[in-house]
Amino acid sequence: MALEAPGMVVGLAVLDIVPTPFMWSRMSLDESRHDETKKSHHWVFLASPAPLPETLISAQTDFYYTYTIKSWASPSTLATIDKTNTITEWQKDSIAPFLTNDQAAHARITAACEDYRAGSTVDIEDDLASGIDPVTFKRNKQDSVVTETRIPVFSVPVLALSSSAPAPTLPRRRNLGFTLRRRWIDMCPSRHRALPC
């Protein structure tokens, strides 16, 4: 909505988020030997055609969500999970609505899958049309002189936050050329410094 209806949006705040086209562009042999694909397996899985992910998740809902949360955990949290063989209470609370094995839980699972399906199709098209194009950003990064004018993508205020002790996937993304700060700076009309937290 911040792109499509900026007059209806006061601002945008994101936490540890890389814009969708950048994520999908990294899931290729050319970009990263599929390292990003393996680290972000849930993107491909949840975007698969219905009813494949819905059926598989519904068959082992607790396993799927616990496994996924563990894959996002920091090393210290993961050590606790492995020691106790359980996830924390807040993590249990966050997945509880998906574990009830009723129509509402199935609808939530379907909605999550549909969100990833849209993220791999229509959302990418909309983002590319709005100027969120990894190819353009890559060309500008490689050139010593910016060959394409940087036009801010967002016209609303953006607050982009990054964890100081990010989940295991985020440092690896930085190593692959993903810097959350750089991605968002390039898309916003004005630039400000990071705040210590």
Protein backbone atom coordinates (compact mmCIF):
# COMPACT_ATOMS: atom_id res chain seq x y z
CA MET A 1 0.00 0.00 0.00
CA ALA A 2 2.90 2.35 0.65
CA LEU A 3 3.72 2.08 -3.06
CA GLU A 4 0.26 1.78 -4.57
CA ALA A 5 -1.68 4.19 -2.35
CA PRO A 6 0.79 6.51 -0.60
CA GLY A 7 -1.98 9.00 0.12
CA MET A 8 -3.65 6.39 2.32
CA VAL A 9 -0.47 5.49 4.23
CA VAL A 10 1.14 7.64 6.92
CA GLY A 11 4.43 5.73 6.82
CA LEU A 12 6.05 2.33 6.53
CA ALA A 13 7.98 0.49 9.26
CA VAL A 14 9.84 -2.77 8.66
CA LEU A 15 11.99 -4.96 10.89
CA ASP A 16 14.66 -7.21 9.35
CA ILE A 17 12.90 -7.08 5.98
CA VAL A 18 14.55 -7.14 2.57
CA PRO A 19 12.20 -6.11 -0.26
CA THR A 20 10.68 -9.15 -1.95
CA PRO A 21 12.33 -8.76 -5.40
CA PHE A 22 15.77 -8.75 -3.76
CA MET A 23 14.98 -12.00 -1.96
CA TRP A 24 13.74 -13.77 -5.08
CA SER A 25 16.64 -12.44 -7.18
CA ARG A 26 19.15 -14.00 -4.77
CA MET A 27 17.57 -17.43 -5.21
CA SER A 28 19.49 -18.28 -8.36
CA LEU A 29 22.55 -20.14 -9.52
CA ASP A 30 24.05 -16.94 -10.95
CA GLU A 31 23.67 -14.90 -7.78
CA SER A 32 24.55 -17.25 -4.95
CA ARG A 33 24.85 -20.85 -6.10
CA HIS A 34 21.39 -21.23 -4.53
CA ASP A 35 22.70 -20.53 -1.02
CA GLU A 36 19.83 -18.11 -0.47
CA THR A 37 17.31 -20.66 -1.77
CA LYS A 38 18.44 -23.16 0.86
CA LYS A 39 18.31 -20.56 3.63
CA SER A 40 14.89 -19.29 2.59
CA HIS A 41 13.34 -22.63 1.72
CA HIS A 42 9.98 -21.57 3.15
CA TRP A 43 9.61 -18.90 0.44
CA VAL A 44 9.68 -21.48 -2.35
CA PHE A 45 7.68 -24.05 -0.38
CA LEU A 46 4.85 -21.71 0.65
CA ALA A 47 4.65 -20.23 -2.88
CA SER A 48 4.12 -23.71 -4.37
CA PRO A 49 0.75 -24.35 -6.04
CA ALA A 50 -2.22 -25.16 -3.82
CA PRO A 51 -2.93 -27.47 -2.14
CA LEU A 52 0.61 -28.88 -1.79
CA PRO A 53 2.01 -26.74 1.06
CA GLU A 54 -1.36 -26.49 2.82
CA THR A 55 -1.74 -30.28 2.82
CA LEU A 56 1.80 -30.99 4.00
CA ILE A 57 1.72 -28.32 6.71
CA SER A 58 -1.69 -29.47 7.96
CA ALA A 59 -0.41 -33.04 8.29
CA GLN A 60 2.43 -31.98 10.64
CA THR A 61 1.56 -28.44 11.69
CA ASP A 62 3.46 -28.42 14.98
CA PHE A 63 6.58 -29.87 13.34
CA TYR A 64 6.49 -27.39 10.45
CA TYR A 65 6.09 -24.25 12.55
CA THR A 66 8.52 -25.36 15.25
CA TYR A 67 11.13 -26.24 12.59
CA THR A 68 10.60 -22.89 10.86
CA ILE A 69 10.93 -20.89 14.08
CA LYS A 70 14.08 -22.83 14.95
CA SER A 71 15.54 -21.98 11.53
CA TRP A 72 15.09 -18.26 12.33
CA ALA A 73 16.46 -18.42 15.88
CA SER A 74 19.65 -16.76 17.05
CA PRO A 75 22.46 -19.11 18.16
CA SER A 76 21.75 -18.53 21.87
CA THR A 77 18.01 -19.14 21.45
CA LEU A 78 18.71 -22.20 19.33
CA ALA A 79 20.99 -23.61 22.04
CA THR A 80 18.14 -23.28 24.56
CA ILE A 81 15.66 -24.87 22.16
CA ASP A 82 18.01 -27.79 21.48
CA LYS A 83 18.72 -28.29 25.18
CA THR A 84 15.07 -28.27 26.23
CA ASN A 85 13.65 -29.65 22.97
CA THR A 86 10.99 -26.95 23.08
CA ILE A 87 10.49 -23.44 21.83
CA THR A 88 9.87 -20.44 24.10
CA GLU A 89 6.43 -19.45 25.36
CA TRP A 90 6.14 -16.41 23.08
CA GLN A 91 7.06 -18.62 20.11
CA LYS A 92 4.42 -21.16 21.15
CA ASP A 93 1.89 -18.34 21.45
CA SER A 94 2.75 -17.06 17.96
CA ILE A 95 2.10 -20.43 16.29
CA ALA A 96 -0.86 -21.50 18.48
CA PRO A 97 -3.52 -20.12 16.07
CA PHE A 98 -2.18 -22.45 13.37
CA LEU A 99 -2.28 -25.59 15.54
CA THR A 100 -5.98 -25.85 16.37
CA ASN A 101 -6.75 -28.25 13.47
CA ASP A 102 -10.01 -26.53 12.64
CA GLN A 103 -11.32 -24.53 9.69
CA ALA A 104 -9.87 -21.28 11.08
CA ALA A 105 -6.37 -22.78 11.35
CA HIS A 106 -6.60 -24.16 7.81
CA ALA A 107 -7.73 -20.74 6.58
CA ARG A 108 -4.69 -19.13 8.28
CA ILE A 109 -2.34 -21.64 6.66
CA THR A 110 -3.94 -21.01 3.26
CA ALA A 111 -3.69 -17.23 3.75
CA ALA A 112 0.03 -17.51 4.58
CA CYS A 113 0.60 -19.60 1.45
CA GLU A 114 -1.40 -17.16 -0.69
CA ASP A 115 0.73 -14.30 0.65
CA TYR A 116 3.91 -16.06 -0.52
CA ARG A 117 2.28 -16.98 -3.85
CA ALA A 118 1.43 -13.32 -4.42
CA GLY A 119 4.98 -12.41 -3.35
CA SER A 120 6.36 -14.63 -6.10
CA THR A 121 4.05 -13.32 -8.83
CA VAL A 122 1.87 -10.20 -8.78
CA ASP A 123 3.76 -8.49 -5.93
CA ILE A 124 7.05 -8.81 -7.82
CA GLU A 125 5.46 -7.33 -10.94
CA ASP A 126 4.06 -4.42 -8.92
CA ASP A 127 7.38 -3.85 -7.14
CA LEU A 128 9.35 -3.90 -10.40
CA ALA A 129 6.89 -1.45 -11.94
CA SER A 130 7.34 0.79 -8.88
CA GLY A 131 11.13 0.83 -9.23
CA ILE A 132 12.22 -1.91 -6.84
CA ASP A 133 14.47 -3.62 -9.37
CA PRO A 134 17.49 -5.63 -8.16
CA VAL A 135 19.07 -5.51 -11.63
CA THR A 136 19.11 -1.69 -11.68
CA PHE A 137 20.46 -1.55 -8.12
CA LYS A 138 23.19 -4.07 -9.04
CA ARG A 139 24.25 -2.09 -12.13
CA ASN A 140 24.50 1.12 -10.13
CA LYS A 141 26.52 -0.65 -7.44
CA GLN A 142 28.99 -2.03 -10.00
CA ASP A 143 29.49 1.21 -11.90
CA SER A 144 31.92 3.76 -10.51
CA VAL A 145 29.57 6.39 -11.87
CA VAL A 146 25.86 5.92 -11.31
CA THR A 147 24.47 5.30 -14.78
CA GLU A 148 20.83 5.45 -13.83
CA THR A 149 19.32 8.22 -11.77
CA ARG A 150 18.22 7.04 -8.35
CA ILE A 151 14.58 7.93 -8.07
CA PRO A 152 13.17 7.26 -4.62
CA VAL A 153 10.67 4.44 -4.72
CA PHE A 154 8.77 5.40 -1.58
CA SER A 155 7.18 8.79 -1.10
CA VAL A 156 6.09 8.12 2.49
CA PRO A 157 8.40 8.12 5.54
CA VAL A 158 10.12 4.75 6.00
CA LEU A 159 11.50 3.36 9.25
CA ALA A 160 13.70 0.35 8.44
CA LEU A 161 15.02 -1.42 11.52
CA SER A 162 17.58 -4.19 11.67
CA SER A 163 18.25 -6.42 14.66
CA SER A 164 21.54 -5.78 16.42
CA ALA A 165 21.81 -9.55 16.96
CA PRO A 166 20.02 -10.74 13.84
CA ALA A 167 18.71 -14.18 13.14
CA PRO A 168 21.17 -16.58 11.50
CA THR A 169 19.85 -15.90 8.01
CA LEU A 170 20.49 -12.14 8.12
CA PRO A 171 24.30 -12.14 8.55
CA ARG A 172 24.54 -14.65 5.73
CA ARG A 173 22.52 -12.34 3.54
CA ARG A 174 24.93 -9.54 4.30
CA ASN A 175 27.74 -11.81 3.15
CA LEU A 176 25.86 -12.37 -0.08
CA GLY A 177 25.60 -8.66 -0.74
CA PHE A 178 22.39 -8.04 1.17
CA THR A 179 22.67 -5.04 3.41
CA LEU A 180 19.33 -4.04 4.80
CA ARG A 181 20.49 -0.48 5.30
CA ARG A 182 21.73 -0.09 1.72
CA ARG A 183 18.56 -1.54 0.19
CA TRP A 184 16.29 0.83 2.06
CA ILE A 185 18.51 3.92 1.67
CA ASP A 186 18.46 3.45 -2.08
CA MET A 187 14.67 3.41 -2.15
CA CYS A 188 13.81 6.27 0.20
CA PRO A 189 13.68 9.99 -0.54
CA SER A 190 15.86 11.10 2.36
CA ARG A 191 18.59 9.42 4.32
CA HIS A 192 19.21 9.40 8.01
CA ARG A 193 21.68 7.71 10.30
CA ALA A 194 21.22 4.55 12.28
CA LEU A 195 20.17 4.89 15.90
CA PRO A 196 21.91 2.85 18.60
CA CYS A 197 19.46 0.58 20.39
